[in-house]
Amino acid sequence: MFHEILAQAAATGLTGSTSAIEVGLAAGGAAIGIGAVGAGASQAVGRNPGAVGIILAISLTIIAISEGTFILTAFVLAK
């Protein structure tokens, strides 16, 4: 569904100061950030399996911040 939204934005263009290319870059940055968090979390759990709860909580918080930044860029600032 996400790729359909980006394709539609690229096809129709966005009004305002945010272009489809900028939204795509924001989506790519969010995806890279989430991947880095996932990789770091899996390494951390591998080193210390007893801390899985703390690592999961921190990972989900950072993922939420990354997604929130993308949503602000894509939908709120595009107007």
PDB file of N, CA and C in Angstrom:
ATOM      1  N   MET A   1       0.816  -1.184   0.000  1.00  0.00           N
ATOM      2  CA  MET A   1       0.000   0.000   0.000  1.00  0.00           C
ATOM      3  C   MET A   1       0.869   1.261   0.000  1.00  0.00           C
ATOM      4  N   PHE A   2       1.981   1.196   0.716  1.00  0.00           N
ATOM      5  CA  PHE A   2       2.854   2.361   0.805  1.00  0.00           C
ATOM      6  C   PHE A   2       3.420   2.741  -0.554  1.00  0.00           C
ATOM      7  N   HIS A   3       3.830   1.737  -1.328  1.00  0.00           N
ATOM      8  CA  HIS A   3       4.399   2.042  -2.644  1.00  0.00           C
ATOM      9  C   HIS A   3       3.342   2.597  -3.579  1.00  0.00           C
ATOM     10  N   GLU A   4       2.071   2.235  -3.378  1.00  0.00           N
ATOM     11  CA  GLU A   4       0.995   2.793  -4.190  1.00  0.00           C
ATOM     12  C   GLU A   4       0.799   4.273  -3.892  1.00  0.00           C
ATOM     13  N   ILE A   5       0.925   4.640  -2.621  1.00  0.00           N
ATOM     14  CA  ILE A   5       0.799   6.047  -2.243  1.00  0.00           C
ATOM     15  C   ILE A   5       1.919   6.865  -2.874  1.00  0.00           C
ATOM     16  N   LEU A   6       3.147   6.338  -2.807  1.00  0.00           N
ATOM     17  CA  LEU A   6       4.269   7.059  -3.413  1.00  0.00           C
ATOM     18  C   LEU A   6       4.129   7.146  -4.931  1.00  0.00           C
ATOM     19  N   ALA A   7       3.638   6.071  -5.545  1.00  0.00           N
ATOM     20  CA  ALA A   7       3.450   6.098  -6.998  1.00  0.00           C
ATOM     21  C   ALA A   7       2.392   7.121  -7.394  1.00  0.00           C
ATOM     22  N   GLN A   8       1.318   7.185  -6.616  1.00  0.00           N
ATOM     23  CA  GLN A   8       0.270   8.157  -6.903  1.00  0.00           C
ATOM     24  C   GLN A   8       0.785   9.582  -6.709  1.00  0.00           C
ATOM     25  N   ALA A   9       1.584   9.794  -5.672  1.00  0.00           N
ATOM     26  CA  ALA A   9       2.143  11.123  -5.437  1.00  0.00           C
ATOM     27  C   ALA A   9       3.084  11.516  -6.564  1.00  0.00           C
ATOM     28  N   ALA A  10       3.851  10.566  -7.067  1.00  0.00           N
ATOM     29  CA  ALA A  10       4.776  10.864  -8.154  1.00  0.00           C
ATOM     30  C   ALA A  10       4.031  11.141  -9.457  1.00  0.00           C
ATOM     31  N   ALA A  11       2.913  10.428  -9.668  1.00  0.00           N
ATOM     32  CA  ALA A  11       2.165  10.590 -10.911  1.00  0.00           C
ATOM     33  C   ALA A  11       1.398  11.917 -10.941  1.00  0.00           C
ATOM     34  N   THR A  12       0.793  12.267  -9.835  1.00  0.00           N
ATOM     35  CA  THR A  12      -0.038  13.468  -9.828  1.00  0.00           C
ATOM     36  C   THR A  12       0.716  14.702  -9.386  1.00  0.00           C
ATOM     37  N   GLY A  13       1.805  14.504  -8.680  1.00  0.00           N
ATOM     38  CA  GLY A  13       2.543  15.642  -8.158  1.00  0.00           C
ATOM     39  C   GLY A  13       1.884  16.161  -6.893  1.00  0.00           C
ATOM     40  N   LEU A  14       2.630  16.855  -6.097  1.00  0.00           N
ATOM     41  CA  LEU A  14       2.107  17.417  -4.861  1.00  0.00           C
ATOM     42  C   LEU A  14       2.050  18.926  -4.987  1.00  0.00           C
ATOM     43  N   THR A  15       1.051  19.504  -4.373  1.00  0.00           N
ATOM     44  CA  THR A  15       0.977  20.954  -4.340  1.00  0.00           C
ATOM     45  C   THR A  15       1.737  21.454  -3.130  1.00  0.00           C
ATOM     46  N   GLY A  16       2.255  22.620  -3.221  1.00  0.00           N
ATOM     47  CA  GLY A  16       2.992  23.174  -2.099  1.00  0.00           C
ATOM     48  C   GLY A  16       4.480  23.085  -2.324  1.00  0.00           C
ATOM     49  N   SER A  17       5.215  23.108  -1.227  1.00  0.00           N
ATOM     50  CA  SER A  17       6.664  23.181  -1.332  1.00  0.00           C
ATOM     51  C   SER A  17       7.338  21.812  -1.314  1.00  0.00           C
ATOM     52  N   THR A  18       6.582  20.746  -1.046  1.00  0.00           N
ATOM     53  CA  THR A  18       7.181  19.418  -0.968  1.00  0.00           C
ATOM     54  C   THR A  18       6.881  18.645  -2.248  1.00  0.00           C
ATOM     55  N   SER A  19       7.910  18.219  -2.948  1.00  0.00           N
ATOM     56  CA  SER A  19       7.707  17.486  -4.190  1.00  0.00           C
ATOM     57  C   SER A  19       7.710  15.991  -3.920  1.00  0.00           C
ATOM     58  N   ALA A  20       7.358  15.234  -4.920  1.00  0.00           N
ATOM     59  CA  ALA A  20       7.319  13.773  -4.793  1.00  0.00           C
ATOM     60  C   ALA A  20       8.715  13.210  -4.550  1.00  0.00           C
ATOM     61  N   ILE A  21       9.715  13.843  -5.095  1.00  0.00           N
ATOM     62  CA  ILE A  21      11.086  13.376  -4.879  1.00  0.00           C
ATOM     63  C   ILE A  21      11.476  13.540  -3.414  1.00  0.00           C
ATOM     64  N   GLU A  22      11.093  14.649  -2.823  1.00  0.00           N
ATOM     65  CA  GLU A  22      11.403  14.875  -1.410  1.00  0.00           C
ATOM     66  C   GLU A  22      10.675  13.884  -0.515  1.00  0.00           C
ATOM     67  N   VAL A  23       9.431  13.555  -0.865  1.00  0.00           N
ATOM     68  CA  VAL A  23       8.682  12.552  -0.099  1.00  0.00           C
ATOM     69  C   VAL A  23       9.345  11.191  -0.245  1.00  0.00           C
ATOM     70  N   GLY A  24       9.803  10.867  -1.441  1.00  0.00           N
ATOM     71  CA  GLY A  24      10.502   9.604  -1.658  1.00  0.00           C
ATOM     72  C   GLY A  24      11.796   9.522  -0.868  1.00  0.00           C
ATOM     73  N   LEU A  25      12.527  10.623  -0.819  1.00  0.00           N
ATOM     74  CA  LEU A  25      13.753  10.645  -0.022  1.00  0.00           C
ATOM     75  C   LEU A  25      13.460  10.498   1.466  1.00  0.00           C
ATOM     76  N   ALA A  26      12.374  11.104   1.913  1.00  0.00           N
ATOM     77  CA  ALA A  26      11.995  10.959   3.320  1.00  0.00           C
ATOM     78  C   ALA A  26      11.603   9.523   3.626  1.00  0.00           C
ATOM     79  N   ALA A  27      10.892   8.884   2.704  1.00  0.00           N
ATOM     80  CA  ALA A  27      10.515   7.478   2.900  1.00  0.00           C
ATOM     81  C   ALA A  27      11.752   6.588   2.912  1.00  0.00           C
ATOM     82  N   GLY A  28      12.681   6.856   2.026  1.00  0.00           N
ATOM     83  CA  GLY A  28      13.915   6.074   2.005  1.00  0.00           C
ATOM     84  C   GLY A  28      14.728   6.266   3.270  1.00  0.00           C
ATOM     85  N   GLY A  29      14.782   7.485   3.766  1.00  0.00           N
ATOM     86  CA  GLY A  29      15.493   7.742   5.018  1.00  0.00           C
ATOM     87  C   GLY A  29      14.855   7.030   6.197  1.00  0.00           C
ATOM     88  N   ALA A  30      13.527   7.030   6.234  1.00  0.00           N
ATOM     89  CA  ALA A  30      12.826   6.314   7.306  1.00  0.00           C
ATOM     90  C   ALA A  30      13.092   4.817   7.219  1.00  0.00           C
ATOM     91  N   ALA A  31      13.089   4.285   6.011  1.00  0.00           N
ATOM     92  CA  ALA A  31      13.338   2.847   5.839  1.00  0.00           C
ATOM     93  C   ALA A  31      14.764   2.482   6.251  1.00  0.00           C
ATOM     94  N   ILE A  32      15.716   3.304   5.906  1.00  0.00           N
ATOM     95  CA  ILE A  32      17.107   3.046   6.300  1.00  0.00           C
ATOM     96  C   ILE A  32      17.245   3.117   7.816  1.00  0.00           C
ATOM     97  N   GLY A  33      16.600   4.103   8.422  1.00  0.00           N
ATOM     98  CA  GLY A  33      16.653   4.233   9.868  1.00  0.00           C
ATOM     99  C   GLY A  33      16.037   3.046  10.587  1.00  0.00           C
ATOM    100  N   ILE A  34      14.906   2.577  10.098  1.00  0.00           N
ATOM    101  CA  ILE A  34      14.249   1.420  10.714  1.00  0.00           C
ATOM    102  C   ILE A  34      15.095   0.169  10.533  1.00  0.00           C
ATOM    103  N   GLY A  35      15.713   0.020   9.373  1.00  0.00           N
ATOM    104  CA  GLY A  35      16.598  -1.120   9.156  1.00  0.00           C
ATOM    105  C   GLY A  35      17.803  -1.095  10.071  1.00  0.00           C
ATOM    106  N   ALA A  36      18.362   0.077  10.280  1.00  0.00           N
ATOM    107  CA  ALA A  36      19.509   0.195  11.176  1.00  0.00           C
ATOM    108  C   ALA A  36      19.127  -0.116  12.615  1.00  0.00           C
ATOM    109  N   VAL A  37      17.948   0.327  13.023  1.00  0.00           N
ATOM    110  CA  VAL A  37      17.472   0.019  14.373  1.00  0.00           C
ATOM    111  C   VAL A  37      17.251  -1.476  14.534  1.00  0.00           C
ATOM    112  N   GLY A  38      16.665  -2.107  13.536  1.00  0.00           N
ATOM    113  CA  GLY A  38      16.441  -3.550  13.601  1.00  0.00           C
ATOM    114  C   GLY A  38      17.739  -4.338  13.664  1.00  0.00           C
ATOM    115  N   ALA A  39      18.707  -3.915  12.872  1.00  0.00           N
ATOM    116  CA  ALA A  39      20.001  -4.598  12.896  1.00  0.00           C
ATOM    117  C   ALA A  39      20.693  -4.427  14.241  1.00  0.00           C
ATOM    118  N   GLY A  40      20.665  -3.222  14.758  1.00  0.00           N
ATOM    119  CA  GLY A  40      21.284  -2.983  16.054  1.00  0.00           C
ATOM    120  C   GLY A  40      20.580  -3.719  17.183  1.00  0.00           C
ATOM    121  N   ALA A  41      19.257  -3.776  17.112  1.00  0.00           N
ATOM    122  CA  ALA A  41      18.502  -4.481  18.153  1.00  0.00           C
ATOM    123  C   ALA A  41      18.778  -5.979  18.116  1.00  0.00           C
ATOM    124  N   SER A  42      18.859  -6.540  16.927  1.00  0.00           N
ATOM    125  CA  SER A  42      19.130  -7.981  16.850  1.00  0.00           C
ATOM    126  C   SER A  42      20.539  -8.304  17.354  1.00  0.00           C
ATOM    127  N   GLN A  43      21.500  -7.443  17.078  1.00  0.00           N
ATOM    128  CA  GLN A  43      22.842  -7.648  17.609  1.00  0.00           C
ATOM    129  C   GLN A  43      22.869  -7.511  19.126  1.00  0.00           C
ATOM    130  N   ALA A  44      22.131  -6.538  19.643  1.00  0.00           N
ATOM    131  CA  ALA A  44      22.104  -6.323  21.085  1.00  0.00           C
ATOM    132  C   ALA A  44      21.454  -7.495  21.812  1.00  0.00           C
ATOM    133  N   VAL A  45      20.379  -8.035  21.245  1.00  0.00           N
ATOM    134  CA  VAL A  45      19.727  -9.195  21.863  1.00  0.00           C
ATOM    135  C   VAL A  45      20.631 -10.417  21.762  1.00  0.00           C
ATOM    136  N   GLY A  46      21.369 -10.518  20.702  1.00  0.00           N
ATOM    137  CA  GLY A  46      22.307 -11.627  20.574  1.00  0.00           C
ATOM    138  C   GLY A  46      23.411 -11.580  21.614  1.00  0.00           C
ATOM    139  N   ARG A  47      23.819 -10.386  21.969  1.00  0.00           N
ATOM    140  CA  ARG A  47      24.886 -10.238  22.972  1.00  0.00           C
ATOM    141  C   ARG A  47      24.356 -10.372  24.394  1.00  0.00           C
ATOM    142  N   ASN A  48      23.104  -9.915  24.624  1.00  0.00           N
ATOM    143  CA  ASN A  48      22.548  -9.946  25.972  1.00  0.00           C
ATOM    144  C   ASN A  48      21.067 -10.321  25.888  1.00  0.00           C
ATOM    145  N   PRO A  49      20.754 -11.607  25.816  1.00  0.00           N
ATOM    146  CA  PRO A  49      19.356 -12.022  25.664  1.00  0.00           C
ATOM    147  C   PRO A  49      18.465 -11.643  26.846  1.00  0.00           C
ATOM    148  N   GLY A  50      19.036 -11.404  27.991  1.00  0.00           N
ATOM    149  CA  GLY A  50      18.237 -11.040  29.155  1.00  0.00           C
ATOM    150  C   GLY A  50      17.638  -9.645  29.082  1.00  0.00           C
ATOM    151  N   ALA A  51      18.160  -8.805  28.220  1.00  0.00           N
ATOM    152  CA  ALA A  51      17.693  -7.424  28.114  1.00  0.00           C
ATOM    153  C   ALA A  51      16.743  -7.221  26.948  1.00  0.00           C
ATOM    154  N   VAL A  52      16.071  -8.281  26.520  1.00  0.00           N
ATOM    155  CA  VAL A  52      15.232  -8.180  25.325  1.00  0.00           C
ATOM    156  C   VAL A  52      14.081  -7.202  25.525  1.00  0.00           C
ATOM    157  N   GLY A  53      13.518  -7.099  26.717  1.00  0.00           N
ATOM    158  CA  GLY A  53      12.404  -6.185  26.950  1.00  0.00           C
ATOM    159  C   GLY A  53      12.808  -4.728  26.814  1.00  0.00           C
ATOM    160  N   ILE A  54      13.924  -4.372  27.396  1.00  0.00           N
ATOM    161  CA  ILE A  54      14.411  -2.994  27.327  1.00  0.00           C
ATOM    162  C   ILE A  54      14.801  -2.647  25.888  1.00  0.00           C
ATOM    163  N   ILE A  55      15.477  -3.570  25.232  1.00  0.00           N
ATOM    164  CA  ILE A  55      15.905  -3.332  23.851  1.00  0.00           C
ATOM    165  C   ILE A  55      14.701  -3.169  22.939  1.00  0.00           C
ATOM    166  N   LEU A  56      13.684  -3.991  23.129  1.00  0.00           N
ATOM    167  CA  LEU A  56      12.477  -3.898  22.305  1.00  0.00           C
ATOM    168  C   LEU A  56      11.779  -2.561  22.524  1.00  0.00           C
ATOM    169  N   ALA A  57      11.668  -2.131  23.762  1.00  0.00           N
ATOM    170  CA  ALA A  57      10.996  -0.857  24.048  1.00  0.00           C
ATOM    171  C   ALA A  57      11.728   0.316  23.411  1.00  0.00           C
ATOM    172  N   ILE A  58      13.027   0.336  23.548  1.00  0.00           N
ATOM    173  CA  ILE A  58      13.803   1.430  22.961  1.00  0.00           C
ATOM    174  C   ILE A  58      13.734   1.381  21.440  1.00  0.00           C
ATOM    175  N   SER A  59      13.797   0.180  20.869  1.00  0.00           N
ATOM    176  CA  SER A  59      13.725   0.035  19.415  1.00  0.00           C
ATOM    177  C   SER A  59      12.393   0.532  18.870  1.00  0.00           C
ATOM    178  N   LEU A  60      11.304   0.161  19.523  1.00  0.00           N
ATOM    179  CA  LEU A  60       9.985   0.606  19.060  1.00  0.00           C
ATOM    180  C   LEU A  60       9.820   2.117  19.189  1.00  0.00           C
ATOM    181  N   THR A  61      10.408   2.700  20.215  1.00  0.00           N
ATOM    182  CA  THR A  61      10.355   4.154  20.369  1.00  0.00           C
ATOM    183  C   THR A  61      11.099   4.851  19.234  1.00  0.00           C
ATOM    184  N   ILE A  62      12.269   4.363  18.904  1.00  0.00           N
ATOM    185  CA  ILE A  62      13.046   4.980  17.826  1.00  0.00           C
ATOM    186  C   ILE A  62      12.371   4.770  16.476  1.00  0.00           C
ATOM    187  N   ILE A  63      11.775   3.607  16.270  1.00  0.00           N
ATOM    188  CA  ILE A  63      11.036   3.360  15.026  1.00  0.00           C
ATOM    189  C   ILE A  63       9.847   4.303  14.918  1.00  0.00           C
ATOM    190  N   ALA A  64       9.146   4.528  16.018  1.00  0.00           N
ATOM    191  CA  ALA A  64       8.004   5.445  16.003  1.00  0.00           C
ATOM    192  C   ALA A  64       8.437   6.870  15.678  1.00  0.00           C
ATOM    193  N   ILE A  65       9.570   7.291  16.207  1.00  0.00           N
ATOM    194  CA  ILE A  65      10.075   8.625  15.896  1.00  0.00           C
ATOM    195  C   ILE A  65      10.434   8.733  14.415  1.00  0.00           C
ATOM    196  N   SER A  66      11.044   7.691  13.870  1.00  0.00           N
ATOM    197  CA  SER A  66      11.410   7.689  12.457  1.00  0.00           C
ATOM    198  C   SER A  66      10.170   7.744  11.566  1.00  0.00           C
ATOM    199  N   GLU A  67       9.177   6.932  11.881  1.00  0.00           N
ATOM    200  CA  GLU A  67       7.935   6.940  11.098  1.00  0.00           C
ATOM    201  C   GLU A  67       7.194   8.261  11.258  1.00  0.00           C
ATOM    202  N   GLY A  68       7.196   8.807  12.462  1.00  0.00           N
ATOM    203  CA  GLY A  68       6.533  10.085  12.683  1.00  0.00           C
ATOM    204  C   GLY A  68       7.156  11.202  11.880  1.00  0.00           C
ATOM    205  N   THR A  69       8.466  11.185  11.779  1.00  0.00           N
ATOM    206  CA  THR A  69       9.157  12.185  10.968  1.00  0.00           C
ATOM    207  C   THR A  69       8.768  12.058   9.506  1.00  0.00           C
ATOM    208  N   PHE A  70       8.679  10.809   9.025  1.00  0.00           N
ATOM    209  CA  PHE A  70       8.258  10.622   7.635  1.00  0.00           C
ATOM    210  C   PHE A  70       6.831  11.098   7.421  1.00  0.00           C
ATOM    211  N   ILE A  71       5.928  10.769   8.334  1.00  0.00           N
ATOM    212  CA  ILE A  71       4.533  11.167   8.181  1.00  0.00           C
ATOM    213  C   ILE A  71       4.411  12.692   8.177  1.00  0.00           C
ATOM    214  N   LEU A  72       5.158  13.357   9.042  1.00  0.00           N
ATOM    215  CA  LEU A  72       5.149  14.821   9.023  1.00  0.00           C
ATOM    216  C   LEU A  72       5.633  15.362   7.686  1.00  0.00           C
ATOM    217  N   THR A  73       6.679  14.798   7.182  1.00  0.00           N
ATOM    218  CA  THR A  73       7.228  15.261   5.902  1.00  0.00           C
ATOM    219  C   THR A  73       6.266  14.995   4.751  1.00  0.00           C
ATOM    220  N   ALA A  74       5.708  13.803   4.710  1.00  0.00           N
ATOM    221  CA  ALA A  74       4.908  13.402   3.566  1.00  0.00           C
ATOM    222  C   ALA A  74       3.522  14.021   3.539  1.00  0.00           C
ATOM    223  N   PHE A  75       2.864  14.086   4.680  1.00  0.00           N
ATOM    224  CA  PHE A  75       1.457  14.450   4.656  1.00  0.00           C
ATOM    225  C   PHE A  75       1.152  15.808   5.269  1.00  0.00           C
ATOM    226  N   VAL A  76       1.856  16.191   6.290  1.00  0.00           N
ATOM    227  CA  VAL A  76       1.534  17.457   6.942  1.00  0.00           C
ATOM    228  C   VAL A  76       2.208  18.631   6.241  1.00  0.00           C
ATOM    229  N   LEU A  77       3.499  18.500   5.964  1.00  0.00           N
ATOM    230  CA  LEU A  77       4.224  19.611   5.344  1.00  0.00           C
ATOM    231  C   LEU A  77       3.967  19.732   3.848  1.00  0.00           C
ATOM    232  N   ALA A  78       3.310  18.736   3.256  1.00  0.00           N
ATOM    233  CA  ALA A  78       3.033  18.775   1.822  1.00  0.00           C
ATOM    234  C   ALA A  78       1.933  19.760   1.484  1.00  0.00           C
ATOM    235  N   LYS A  79       1.196  20.206   2.467  1.00  0.00           N
ATOM    236  CA  LYS A  79       0.075  21.126   2.189  1.00  0.00           C
ATOM    237  C   LYS A  79       0.509  22.548   2.170  1.00  0.00           C
TER     238      LYS A  79
END
